């Protein structure tokens, strides 16, 4: 067996994002799957109205906010995975979850 060194180099557009969920499915060709990963947050208001006191401090007036209702799911990126890559990712996640549960003292949580 030959030994190979893998060097991890971050792409110029590398970034770290919180992940709150994912969605996707099997590709129409059946050759793999697509998964989009998203983060969730409350919507940022488009407009707020505040009172300014004599010292220049502002206080947002309750009920004087305009914007979207509900929650925002910001789709951060999408991934195409072949079967082998999906299985490898699943196995890696299972291993890391087991390690995390040991660290947290919840080793029996998955049973």
PDB file of N, CA and C in Angstrom:
ATOM      1  N   UNK A   1       0.846  -1.183   0.000  1.00  0.00           N
ATOM      2  CA  UNK A   1       0.000   0.000   0.000  1.00  0.00           C
ATOM      3  C   UNK A   1       0.893   1.247   0.000  1.00  0.00           C
ATOM      4  N   UNK A   2       0.534   2.226  -0.812  1.00  0.00           N
ATOM      5  CA  UNK A   2       1.311   3.448  -0.932  1.00  0.00           C
ATOM      6  C   UNK A   2       0.774   4.502   0.023  1.00  0.00           C
ATOM      7  N   UNK A   3       1.677   5.211   0.647  1.00  0.00           N
ATOM      8  CA  UNK A   3       1.284   6.290   1.555  1.00  0.00           C
ATOM      9  C   UNK A   3       1.120   7.576   0.753  1.00  0.00           C
ATOM     10  N   UNK A   4       0.028   8.307   1.005  1.00  0.00           N
ATOM     11  CA  UNK A   4      -0.247   9.554   0.301  1.00  0.00           C
ATOM     12  C   UNK A   4      -0.526  10.639   1.329  1.00  0.00           C
ATOM     13  N   UNK A   5       0.095  11.810   1.154  1.00  0.00           N
ATOM     14  CA  UNK A   5      -0.176  12.960   2.016  1.00  0.00           C
ATOM     15  C   UNK A   5      -1.205  13.852   1.317  1.00  0.00           C
ATOM     16  N   UNK A   6      -2.250  14.249   2.046  1.00  0.00           N
ATOM     17  CA  UNK A   6      -3.239  15.186   1.533  1.00  0.00           C
ATOM     18  C   UNK A   6      -3.039  16.520   2.242  1.00  0.00           C
ATOM     19  N   UNK A   7      -2.822  17.572   1.478  1.00  0.00           N
ATOM     20  CA  UNK A   7      -2.650  18.912   2.026  1.00  0.00           C
ATOM     21  C   UNK A   7      -3.974  19.660   1.882  1.00  0.00           C
ATOM     22  N   UNK A   8      -4.490  20.207   2.979  1.00  0.00           N
ATOM     23  CA  UNK A   8      -5.745  20.941   2.973  1.00  0.00           C
ATOM     24  C   UNK A   8      -5.439  22.415   2.748  1.00  0.00           C
ATOM     25  N   UNK A   9      -5.897  22.947   1.616  1.00  0.00           N
ATOM     26  CA  UNK A   9      -5.708  24.350   1.274  1.00  0.00           C
ATOM     27  C   UNK A   9      -7.087  24.963   1.094  1.00  0.00           C
ATOM     28  N   UNK A  10      -7.336  26.058   1.792  1.00  0.00           N
ATOM     29  CA  UNK A  10      -8.648  26.706   1.712  1.00  0.00           C
ATOM     30  C   UNK A  10      -8.770  27.508   0.425  1.00  0.00           C
ATOM     31  N   UNK A  11      -9.904  27.358  -0.243  1.00  0.00           N
ATOM     32  CA  UNK A  11     -10.199  28.118  -1.456  1.00  0.00           C
ATOM     33  C   UNK A  11     -10.318  29.604  -1.110  1.00  0.00           C
ATOM     34  N   UNK A  12     -10.088  30.494  -2.071  1.00  0.00           N
ATOM     35  CA  UNK A  12     -10.194  31.931  -1.793  1.00  0.00           C
ATOM     36  C   UNK A  12     -11.577  32.335  -1.258  1.00  0.00           C
ATOM     37  N   UNK A  13     -12.620  31.611  -1.650  1.00  0.00           N
ATOM     38  CA  UNK A  13     -13.970  31.955  -1.179  1.00  0.00           C
ATOM     39  C   UNK A  13     -14.401  31.097   0.013  1.00  0.00           C
ATOM     40  N   UNK A  14     -13.450  30.446   0.687  1.00  0.00           N
ATOM     41  CA  UNK A  14     -13.766  29.639   1.872  1.00  0.00           C
ATOM     42  C   UNK A  14     -14.438  30.510   2.919  1.00  0.00           C
ATOM     43  N   UNK A  15     -15.469  29.947   3.546  1.00  0.00           N
ATOM     44  CA  UNK A  15     -16.158  30.631   4.644  1.00  0.00           C
ATOM     45  C   UNK A  15     -16.786  29.597   5.547  1.00  0.00           C
ATOM     46  N   UNK A  16     -17.080  30.000   6.743  1.00  0.00           N
ATOM     47  CA  UNK A  16     -17.753  29.129   7.688  1.00  0.00           C
ATOM     48  C   UNK A  16     -19.151  29.672   7.909  1.00  0.00           C
ATOM     49  N   UNK A  17     -20.136  28.774   7.899  1.00  0.00           N
ATOM     50  CA  UNK A  17     -21.530  29.191   8.056  1.00  0.00           C
ATOM     51  C   UNK A  17     -22.231  28.285   9.067  1.00  0.00           C
ATOM     52  N   UNK A  18     -23.174  28.856   9.818  1.00  0.00           N
ATOM     53  CA  UNK A  18     -23.979  27.991  10.682  1.00  0.00           C
ATOM     54  C   UNK A  18     -24.927  27.156   9.832  1.00  0.00           C
ATOM     55  N   UNK A  19     -25.172  25.930  10.231  1.00  0.00           N
ATOM     56  CA  UNK A  19     -26.086  25.055   9.500  1.00  0.00           C
ATOM     57  C   UNK A  19     -27.212  24.650  10.440  1.00  0.00           C
ATOM     58  N   UNK A  20     -28.437  25.040  10.084  1.00  0.00           N
ATOM     59  CA  UNK A  20     -29.607  24.692  10.875  1.00  0.00           C
ATOM     60  C   UNK A  20     -30.440  23.603  10.219  1.00  0.00           C
ATOM     61  N   UNK A  21     -30.159  23.303   8.966  1.00  0.00           N
ATOM     62  CA  UNK A  21     -30.921  22.265   8.282  1.00  0.00           C
ATOM     63  C   UNK A  21     -30.459  22.096   6.849  1.00  0.00           C
ATOM     64  N   UNK A  22     -31.092  21.126   6.173  1.00  0.00           N
ATOM     65  CA  UNK A  22     -30.750  20.827   4.782  1.00  0.00           C
ATOM     66  C   UNK A  22     -31.982  20.279   4.070  1.00  0.00           C
ATOM     67  N   UNK A  23     -31.983  20.423   2.761  1.00  0.00           N
ATOM     68  CA  UNK A  23     -33.020  19.791   1.953  1.00  0.00           C
ATOM     69  C   UNK A  23     -32.413  19.420   0.606  1.00  0.00           C
ATOM     70  N   UNK A  24     -33.060  18.536  -0.098  1.00  0.00           N
ATOM     71  CA  UNK A  24     -32.562  18.109  -1.393  1.00  0.00           C
ATOM     72  C   UNK A  24     -33.206  16.806  -1.798  1.00  0.00           C
ATOM     73  N   UNK A  25     -32.537  16.052  -2.646  1.00  0.00           N
ATOM     74  CA  UNK A  25     -33.092  14.791  -3.104  1.00  0.00           C
ATOM     75  C   UNK A  25     -32.183  14.111  -4.096  1.00  0.00           C
ATOM     76  N   UNK A  26     -32.710  13.046  -4.652  1.00  0.00           N
ATOM     77  CA  UNK A  26     -31.981  12.243  -5.637  1.00  0.00           C
ATOM     78  C   UNK A  26     -31.978  12.991  -6.972  1.00  0.00           C
ATOM     79  N   UNK A  27     -30.850  12.970  -7.660  1.00  0.00           N
ATOM     80  CA  UNK A  27     -30.761  13.604  -8.975  1.00  0.00           C
ATOM     81  C   UNK A  27     -31.645  12.856  -9.973  1.00  0.00           C
ATOM     82  N   UNK A  28     -32.219  13.554 -10.939  1.00  0.00           N
ATOM     83  CA  UNK A  28     -33.080  12.897 -11.936  1.00  0.00           C
ATOM     84  C   UNK A  28     -32.377  11.758 -12.676  1.00  0.00           C
ATOM     85  N   UNK A  29     -31.054  11.833 -12.797  1.00  0.00           N
ATOM     86  CA  UNK A  29     -30.299  10.786 -13.473  1.00  0.00           C
ATOM     87  C   UNK A  29     -30.117   9.550 -12.583  1.00  0.00           C
ATOM     88  N   UNK A  30     -30.393   9.695 -11.274  1.00  0.00           N
ATOM     89  CA  UNK A  30     -30.199   8.610 -10.334  1.00  0.00           C
ATOM     90  C   UNK A  30     -28.741   8.362  -9.986  1.00  0.00           C
ATOM     91  N   UNK A  31     -27.842   9.250 -10.432  1.00  0.00           N
ATOM     92  CA  UNK A  31     -26.406   9.052 -10.224  1.00  0.00           C
ATOM     93  C   UNK A  31     -25.902   9.585  -8.891  1.00  0.00           C
ATOM     94  N   UNK A  32     -26.761  10.161  -8.110  1.00  0.00           N
ATOM     95  CA  UNK A  32     -26.324  10.739  -6.844  1.00  0.00           C
ATOM     96  C   UNK A  32     -27.427  11.592  -6.267  1.00  0.00           C
ATOM     97  N   UNK A  33     -27.034  12.543  -5.438  1.00  0.00           N
ATOM     98  CA  UNK A  33     -28.019  13.403  -4.795  1.00  0.00           C
ATOM     99  C   UNK A  33     -27.512  14.830  -4.740  1.00  0.00           C
ATOM    100  N   UNK A  34     -28.460  15.723  -4.486  1.00  0.00           N
ATOM    101  CA  UNK A  34     -28.159  17.135  -4.317  1.00  0.00           C
ATOM    102  C   UNK A  34     -28.675  17.541  -2.949  1.00  0.00           C
ATOM    103  N   UNK A  35     -27.892  18.316  -2.221  1.00  0.00           N
ATOM    104  CA  UNK A  35     -28.304  18.783  -0.907  1.00  0.00           C
ATOM    105  C   UNK A  35     -27.959  20.256  -0.767  1.00  0.00           C
ATOM    106  N   UNK A  36     -28.951  21.060  -0.403  1.00  0.00           N
ATOM    107  CA  UNK A  36     -28.721  22.458  -0.069  1.00  0.00           C
ATOM    108  C   UNK A  36     -28.738  22.592   1.437  1.00  0.00           C
ATOM    109  N   UNK A  37     -27.855  23.419   1.958  1.00  0.00           N
ATOM    110  CA  UNK A  37     -27.725  23.632   3.396  1.00  0.00           C
ATOM    111  C   UNK A  37     -28.142  25.067   3.698  1.00  0.00           C
ATOM    112  N   UNK A  38     -28.917  25.232   4.775  1.00  0.00           N
ATOM    113  CA  UNK A  38     -29.402  26.574   5.106  1.00  0.00           C
ATOM    114  C   UNK A  38     -29.194  26.909   6.571  1.00  0.00           C
ATOM    115  N   UNK A  39     -29.231  28.215   6.846  1.00  0.00           N
ATOM    116  CA  UNK A  39     -29.269  28.725   8.213  1.00  0.00           C
ATOM    117  C   UNK A  39     -30.590  29.470   8.378  1.00  0.00           C
ATOM    118  N   UNK A  40     -31.056  29.538   9.616  1.00  0.00           N
ATOM    119  CA  UNK A  40     -32.339  30.195   9.902  1.00  0.00           C
ATOM    120  C   UNK A  40     -32.130  31.395  10.807  1.00  0.00           C
ATOM    121  N   UNK A  41     -32.990  32.392  10.616  1.00  0.00           N
ATOM    122  CA  UNK A  41     -32.968  33.576  11.466  1.00  0.00           C
ATOM    123  C   UNK A  41     -34.290  34.303  11.327  1.00  0.00           C
ATOM    124  N   UNK A  42     -34.535  35.201  12.255  1.00  0.00           N
ATOM    125  CA  UNK A  42     -35.691  36.087  12.132  1.00  0.00           C
ATOM    126  C   UNK A  42     -35.392  37.091  11.019  1.00  0.00           C
ATOM    127  N   UNK A  43     -36.421  37.564  10.328  1.00  0.00           N
ATOM    128  CA  UNK A  43     -36.175  38.530   9.256  1.00  0.00           C
ATOM    129  C   UNK A  43     -35.659  39.857   9.805  1.00  0.00           C
ATOM    130  N   UNK A  44     -34.796  40.492   9.039  1.00  0.00           N
ATOM    131  CA  UNK A  44     -34.319  41.834   9.378  1.00  0.00           C
ATOM    132  C   UNK A  44     -35.403  42.811   8.935  1.00  0.00           C
ATOM    133  N   UNK A  45     -35.827  43.734   9.811  1.00  0.00           N
ATOM    134  CA  UNK A  45     -36.894  44.647   9.411  1.00  0.00           C
ATOM    135  C   UNK A  45     -36.450  45.560   8.269  1.00  0.00           C
ATOM    136  N   UNK A  46     -37.430  45.953   7.448  1.00  0.00           N
ATOM    137  CA  UNK A  46     -37.148  46.902   6.378  1.00  0.00           C
ATOM    138  C   UNK A  46     -37.226  48.329   6.897  1.00  0.00           C
ATOM    139  N   UNK A  47     -37.985  48.506   7.994  1.00  0.00           N
ATOM    140  CA  UNK A  47     -38.166  49.841   8.564  1.00  0.00           C
ATOM    141  C   UNK A  47     -38.524  49.713  10.038  1.00  0.00           C
ATOM    142  N   UNK A  48     -37.933  50.546  10.868  1.00  0.00           N
ATOM    143  CA  UNK A  48     -38.345  50.658  12.265  1.00  0.00           C
ATOM    144  C   UNK A  48     -38.546  52.135  12.577  1.00  0.00           C
ATOM    145  N   UNK A  49     -39.374  52.422  13.567  1.00  0.00           N
ATOM    146  CA  UNK A  49     -39.604  53.791  14.007  1.00  0.00           C
ATOM    147  C   UNK A  49     -39.183  53.872  15.469  1.00  0.00           C
ATOM    148  N   UNK A  50     -38.367  54.860  15.778  1.00  0.00           N
ATOM    149  CA  UNK A  50     -37.862  55.017  17.138  1.00  0.00           C
ATOM    150  C   UNK A  50     -38.094  56.437  17.623  1.00  0.00           C
ATOM    151  N   UNK A  51     -38.163  56.578  18.937  1.00  0.00           N
ATOM    152  CA  UNK A  51     -38.189  57.892  19.579  1.00  0.00           C
ATOM    153  C   UNK A  51     -36.762  58.245  19.958  1.00  0.00           C
ATOM    154  N   UNK A  52     -36.413  59.493  19.823  1.00  0.00           N
ATOM    155  CA  UNK A  52     -35.096  59.981  20.240  1.00  0.00           C
ATOM    156  C   UNK A  52     -35.319  60.912  21.425  1.00  0.00           C
ATOM    157  N   UNK A  53     -34.638  60.636  22.550  1.00  0.00           N
ATOM    158  CA  UNK A  53     -34.805  61.502  23.722  1.00  0.00           C
ATOM    159  C   UNK A  53     -33.837  62.679  23.634  1.00  0.00           C
ATOM    160  N   UNK A  54     -33.868  63.538  24.612  1.00  0.00           N
ATOM    161  CA  UNK A  54     -33.044  64.749  24.614  1.00  0.00           C
ATOM    162  C   UNK A  54     -31.553  64.470  24.618  1.00  0.00           C
ATOM    163  N   UNK A  55     -31.145  63.297  25.055  1.00  0.00           N
ATOM    164  CA  UNK A  55     -29.726  62.933  25.079  1.00  0.00           C
ATOM    165  C   UNK A  55     -29.270  62.274  23.786  1.00  0.00           C
ATOM    166  N   UNK A  56     -30.181  62.074  22.844  1.00  0.00           N
ATOM    167  CA  UNK A  56     -29.844  61.442  21.577  1.00  0.00           C
ATOM    168  C   UNK A  56     -29.971  59.932  21.595  1.00  0.00           C
ATOM    169  N   UNK A  57     -30.495  59.371  22.698  1.00  0.00           N
ATOM    170  CA  UNK A  57     -30.705  57.924  22.772  1.00  0.00           C
ATOM    171  C   UNK A  57     -31.981  57.560  22.043  1.00  0.00           C
ATOM    172  N   UNK A  58     -31.950  56.421  21.339  1.00  0.00           N
ATOM    173  CA  UNK A  58     -33.135  55.997  20.599  1.00  0.00           C
ATOM    174  C   UNK A  58     -33.792  54.825  21.298  1.00  0.00           C
ATOM    175  N   UNK A  59     -35.105  54.735  21.154  1.00  0.00           N
ATOM    176  CA  UNK A  59     -35.895  53.645  21.718  1.00  0.00           C
ATOM    177  C   UNK A  59     -36.907  53.239  20.660  1.00  0.00           C
ATOM    178  N   UNK A  60     -36.770  52.019  20.146  1.00  0.00           N
ATOM    179  CA  UNK A  60     -37.686  51.561  19.106  1.00  0.00           C
ATOM    180  C   UNK A  60     -39.092  51.489  19.671  1.00  0.00           C
ATOM    181  N   UNK A  61     -40.033  52.034  18.935  1.00  0.00           N
ATOM    182  CA  UNK A  61     -41.433  52.004  19.352  1.00  0.00           C
ATOM    183  C   UNK A  61     -42.024  50.645  19.040  1.00  0.00           C
ATOM    184  N   UNK A  62     -42.577  49.998  20.041  1.00  0.00           N
ATOM    185  CA  UNK A  62     -43.182  48.686  19.839  1.00  0.00           C
ATOM    186  C   UNK A  62     -44.314  48.782  18.835  1.00  0.00           C
ATOM    187  N   UNK A  63     -44.354  47.811  17.950  1.00  0.00           N
ATOM    188  CA  UNK A  63     -45.405  47.788  16.942  1.00  0.00           C
ATOM    189  C   UNK A  63     -45.131  48.687  15.760  1.00  0.00           C
ATOM    190  N   UNK A  64     -44.010  49.371  15.749  1.00  0.00           N
ATOM    191  CA  UNK A  64     -43.681  50.287  14.641  1.00  0.00           C
ATOM    192  C   UNK A  64     -42.512  49.720  13.849  1.00  0.00           C
ATOM    193  N   UNK A  65     -42.770  48.572  13.266  1.00  0.00           N
ATOM    194  CA  UNK A  65     -41.743  47.855  12.513  1.00  0.00           C
ATOM    195  C   UNK A  65     -42.393  47.293  11.261  1.00  0.00           C
ATOM    196  N   UNK A  66     -41.736  47.432  10.135  1.00  0.00           N
ATOM    197  CA  UNK A  66     -42.241  46.883   8.883  1.00  0.00           C
ATOM    198  C   UNK A  66     -41.233  45.883   8.339  1.00  0.00           C
ATOM    199  N   UNK A  67     -41.748  44.787   7.799  1.00  0.00           N
ATOM    200  CA  UNK A  67     -40.881  43.779   7.214  1.00  0.00           C
ATOM    201  C   UNK A  67     -41.609  42.479   7.041  1.00  0.00           C
ATOM    202  N   UNK A  68     -40.862  41.454   6.783  1.00  0.00           N
ATOM    203  CA  UNK A  68     -41.413  40.127   6.545  1.00  0.00           C
ATOM    204  C   UNK A  68     -41.842  39.478   7.849  1.00  0.00           C
ATOM    205  N   UNK A  69     -42.887  38.661   7.778  1.00  0.00           N
ATOM    206  CA  UNK A  69     -43.310  37.835   8.897  1.00  0.00           C
ATOM    207  C   UNK A  69     -42.611  36.490   8.791  1.00  0.00           C
ATOM    208  N   UNK A  70     -42.611  35.745   9.893  1.00  0.00           N
ATOM    209  CA  UNK A  70     -42.082  34.380   9.871  1.00  0.00           C
ATOM    210  C   UNK A  70     -40.589  34.337  10.067  1.00  0.00           C
ATOM    211  N   UNK A  71     -39.981  33.326   9.470  1.00  0.00           N
ATOM    212  CA  UNK A  71     -38.544  33.093   9.579  1.00  0.00           C
ATOM    213  C   UNK A  71     -37.917  33.116   8.186  1.00  0.00           C
ATOM    214  N   UNK A  72     -36.618  33.406   8.146  1.00  0.00           N
ATOM    215  CA  UNK A  72     -35.855  33.393   6.902  1.00  0.00           C
ATOM    216  C   UNK A  72     -34.954  32.165   6.917  1.00  0.00           C
ATOM    217  N   UNK A  73     -34.982  31.402   5.848  1.00  0.00           N
ATOM    218  CA  UNK A  73     -34.032  30.315   5.650  1.00  0.00           C
ATOM    219  C   UNK A  73     -33.077  30.756   4.552  1.00  0.00           C
ATOM    220  N   UNK A  74     -31.863  31.066   4.939  1.00  0.00           N
ATOM    221  CA  UNK A  74     -30.854  31.523   3.996  1.00  0.00           C
ATOM    222  C   UNK A  74     -30.116  30.302   3.466  1.00  0.00           C
ATOM    223  N   UNK A  75     -30.329  29.985   2.192  1.00  0.00           N
ATOM    224  CA  UNK A  75     -29.651  28.839   1.581  1.00  0.00           C
ATOM    225  C   UNK A  75     -28.199  29.254   1.357  1.00  0.00           C
ATOM    226  N   UNK A  76     -27.287  28.548   2.041  1.00  0.00           N
ATOM    227  CA  UNK A  76     -25.880  28.933   2.051  1.00  0.00           C
ATOM    228  C   UNK A  76     -25.091  28.346   0.882  1.00  0.00           C
ATOM    229  N   UNK A  77     -25.340  27.077   0.578  1.00  0.00           N
ATOM    230  CA  UNK A  77     -24.639  26.434  -0.524  1.00  0.00           C
ATOM    231  C   UNK A  77     -25.317  25.117  -0.850  1.00  0.00           C
ATOM    232  N   UNK A  78     -24.989  24.586  -2.011  1.00  0.00           N
ATOM    233  CA  UNK A  78     -25.514  23.293  -2.436  1.00  0.00           C
ATOM    234  C   UNK A  78     -24.369  22.339  -2.735  1.00  0.00           C
ATOM    235  N   UNK A  79     -24.647  21.053  -2.565  1.00  0.00           N
ATOM    236  CA  UNK A  79     -23.617  20.034  -2.800  1.00  0.00           C
ATOM    237  C   UNK A  79     -24.189  18.919  -3.659  1.00  0.00           C
ATOM    238  N   UNK A  80     -23.416  18.467  -4.628  1.00  0.00           N
ATOM    239  CA  UNK A  80     -23.739  17.272  -5.396  1.00  0.00           C
ATOM    240  C   UNK A  80     -22.895  16.144  -4.826  1.00  0.00           C
ATOM    241  N   UNK A  81     -23.532  15.033  -4.474  1.00  0.00           N
ATOM    242  CA  UNK A  81     -22.823  13.902  -3.884  1.00  0.00           C
ATOM    243  C   UNK A  81     -23.144  12.634  -4.656  1.00  0.00           C
ATOM    244  N   UNK A  82     -22.108  11.926  -5.030  1.00  0.00           N
ATOM    245  CA  UNK A  82     -22.315  10.590  -5.572  1.00  0.00           C
ATOM    246  C   UNK A  82     -22.609   9.641  -4.420  1.00  0.00           C
ATOM    247  N   UNK A  83     -23.033   8.423  -4.743  1.00  0.00           N
ATOM    248  CA  UNK A  83     -23.363   7.436  -3.709  1.00  0.00           C
ATOM    249  C   UNK A  83     -22.198   7.221  -2.752  1.00  0.00           C
ATOM    250  N   UNK A  84     -20.993   7.016  -3.289  1.00  0.00           N
ATOM    251  CA  UNK A  84     -19.828   6.747  -2.439  1.00  0.00           C
ATOM    252  C   UNK A  84     -19.533   7.918  -1.505  1.00  0.00           C
ATOM    253  N   UNK A  85     -19.648   9.149  -2.020  1.00  0.00           N
ATOM    254  CA  UNK A  85     -19.389  10.319  -1.184  1.00  0.00           C
ATOM    255  C   UNK A  85     -20.465  10.473  -0.109  1.00  0.00           C
ATOM    256  N   UNK A  86     -21.714  10.184  -0.458  1.00  0.00           N
ATOM    257  CA  UNK A  86     -22.805  10.282   0.517  1.00  0.00           C
ATOM    258  C   UNK A  86     -22.615   9.266   1.640  1.00  0.00           C
ATOM    259  N   UNK A  87     -22.227   8.051   1.295  1.00  0.00           N
ATOM    260  CA  UNK A  87     -21.988   7.012   2.300  1.00  0.00           C
ATOM    261  C   UNK A  87     -20.805   7.408   3.185  1.00  0.00           C
ATOM    262  N   UNK A  88     -19.737   7.919   2.574  1.00  0.00           N
ATOM    263  CA  UNK A  88     -18.565   8.344   3.353  1.00  0.00           C
ATOM    264  C   UNK A  88     -18.933   9.483   4.298  1.00  0.00           C
ATOM    265  N   UNK A  89     -19.756  10.433   3.834  1.00  0.00           N
ATOM    266  CA  UNK A  89     -20.175  11.538   4.697  1.00  0.00           C
ATOM    267  C   UNK A  89     -21.041  11.023   5.847  1.00  0.00           C
ATOM    268  N   UNK A  90     -21.959  10.113   5.547  1.00  0.00           N
ATOM    269  CA  UNK A  90     -22.799   9.516   6.586  1.00  0.00           C
ATOM    270  C   UNK A  90     -21.947   8.822   7.637  1.00  0.00           C
ATOM    271  N   UNK A  91     -20.992   8.018   7.191  1.00  0.00           N
ATOM    272  CA  UNK A  91     -20.133   7.291   8.122  1.00  0.00           C
ATOM    273  C   UNK A  91     -19.298   8.253   8.960  1.00  0.00           C
ATOM    274  N   UNK A  92     -18.780   9.302   8.335  1.00  0.00           N
ATOM    275  CA  UNK A  92     -17.991  10.301   9.055  1.00  0.00           C
ATOM    276  C   UNK A  92     -18.865  10.981  10.110  1.00  0.00           C
ATOM    277  N   UNK A  93     -20.092  11.371   9.724  1.00  0.00           N
ATOM    278  CA  UNK A  93     -21.002  12.002  10.683  1.00  0.00           C
ATOM    279  C   UNK A  93     -21.336  11.057  11.839  1.00  0.00           C
ATOM    280  N   UNK A  94     -21.609   9.794  11.545  1.00  0.00           N
ATOM    281  CA  UNK A  94     -21.904   8.832  12.611  1.00  0.00           C
ATOM    282  C   UNK A  94     -20.745   8.733  13.601  1.00  0.00           C
ATOM    283  N   UNK A  95     -19.524   8.661  13.087  1.00  0.00           N
ATOM    284  CA  UNK A  95     -18.351   8.584  13.951  1.00  0.00           C
ATOM    285  C   UNK A  95     -18.214   9.835  14.805  1.00  0.00           C
ATOM    286  N   UNK A  96     -18.379  11.003  14.203  1.00  0.00           N
ATOM    287  CA  UNK A  96     -18.238  12.265  14.943  1.00  0.00           C
ATOM    288  C   UNK A  96     -19.365  12.435  15.962  1.00  0.00           C
ATOM    289  N   UNK A  97     -20.572  11.993  15.634  1.00  0.00           N
ATOM    290  CA  UNK A  97     -21.688  12.061  16.589  1.00  0.00           C
ATOM    291  C   UNK A  97     -21.398  11.176  17.797  1.00  0.00           C
ATOM    292  N   UNK A  98     -20.883   9.972  17.561  1.00  0.00           N
ATOM    293  CA  UNK A  98     -20.524   9.078  18.668  1.00  0.00           C
ATOM    294  C   UNK A  98     -19.462   9.713  19.551  1.00  0.00           C
ATOM    295  N   UNK A  99     -18.442  10.333  18.936  1.00  0.00           N
ATOM    296  CA  UNK A  99     -17.390  10.995  19.711  1.00  0.00           C
ATOM    297  C   UNK A  99     -17.952  12.165  20.514  1.00  0.00           C
ATOM    298  N   UNK A 100     -18.833  12.947  19.904  1.00  0.00           N
ATOM    299  CA  UNK A 100     -19.445  14.081  20.592  1.00  0.00           C
ATOM    300  C   UNK A 100     -20.279  13.623  21.776  1.00  0.00           C
ATOM    301  N   UNK A 101     -21.048  12.550  21.583  1.00  0.00           N
ATOM    302  CA  UNK A 101     -21.872  12.035  22.672  1.00  0.00           C
ATOM    303  C   UNK A 101     -21.020  11.536  23.827  1.00  0.00           C
ATOM    304  N   UNK A 102     -19.855  10.960  23.539  1.00  0.00           N
ATOM    305  CA  UNK A 102     -18.941  10.537  24.601  1.00  0.00           C
ATOM    306  C   UNK A 102     -18.424  11.747  25.377  1.00  0.00           C
ATOM    307  N   UNK A 103     -18.055  12.796  24.650  1.00  0.00           N
ATOM    308  CA  UNK A 103     -17.556  14.011  25.293  1.00  0.00           C
ATOM    309  C   UNK A 103     -18.655  14.657  26.149  1.00  0.00           C
ATOM    310  N   UNK A 104     -19.875  14.636  25.653  1.00  0.00           N
ATOM    311  CA  UNK A 104     -21.017  15.243  26.355  1.00  0.00           C
ATOM    312  C   UNK A 104     -21.522  14.356  27.485  1.00  0.00           C
ATOM    313  N   UNK A 105     -21.053  13.109  27.540  1.00  0.00           N
ATOM    314  CA  UNK A 105     -21.544  12.195  28.562  1.00  0.00           C
ATOM    315  C   UNK A 105     -22.883  11.589  28.216  1.00  0.00           C
ATOM    316  N   UNK A 106     -23.215  11.586  26.927  1.00  0.00           N
ATOM    317  CA  UNK A 106     -24.493  11.031  26.463  1.00  0.00           C
ATOM    318  C   UNK A 106     -24.259   9.805  25.601  1.00  0.00           C
ATOM    319  N   UNK A 107     -23.292   9.006  25.945  1.00  0.00           N
ATOM    320  CA  UNK A 107     -22.960   7.835  25.133  1.00  0.00           C
ATOM    321  C   UNK A 107     -24.124   6.893  24.922  1.00  0.00           C
ATOM    322  N   UNK A 108     -25.092   6.867  25.858  1.00  0.00           N
ATOM    323  CA  UNK A 108     -26.246   5.976  25.723  1.00  0.00           C
ATOM    324  C   UNK A 108     -27.427   6.658  25.055  1.00  0.00           C
ATOM    325  N   UNK A 109     -27.293   7.930  24.659  1.00  0.00           N
ATOM    326  CA  UNK A 109     -28.419   8.689  24.119  1.00  0.00           C
ATOM    327  C   UNK A 109     -28.940   8.094  22.821  1.00  0.00           C
ATOM    328  N   UNK A 110     -28.041   7.524  21.999  1.00  0.00           N
ATOM    329  CA  UNK A 110     -28.463   7.010  20.695  1.00  0.00           C
ATOM    330  C   UNK A 110     -29.090   5.618  20.808  1.00  0.00           C
ATOM    331  N   UNK A 111     -28.928   4.952  21.946  1.00  0.00           N
ATOM    332  CA  UNK A 111     -29.441   3.588  22.084  1.00  0.00           C
ATOM    333  C   UNK A 111     -30.926   3.554  22.307  1.00  0.00           C
TER     334      UNK A 111
END
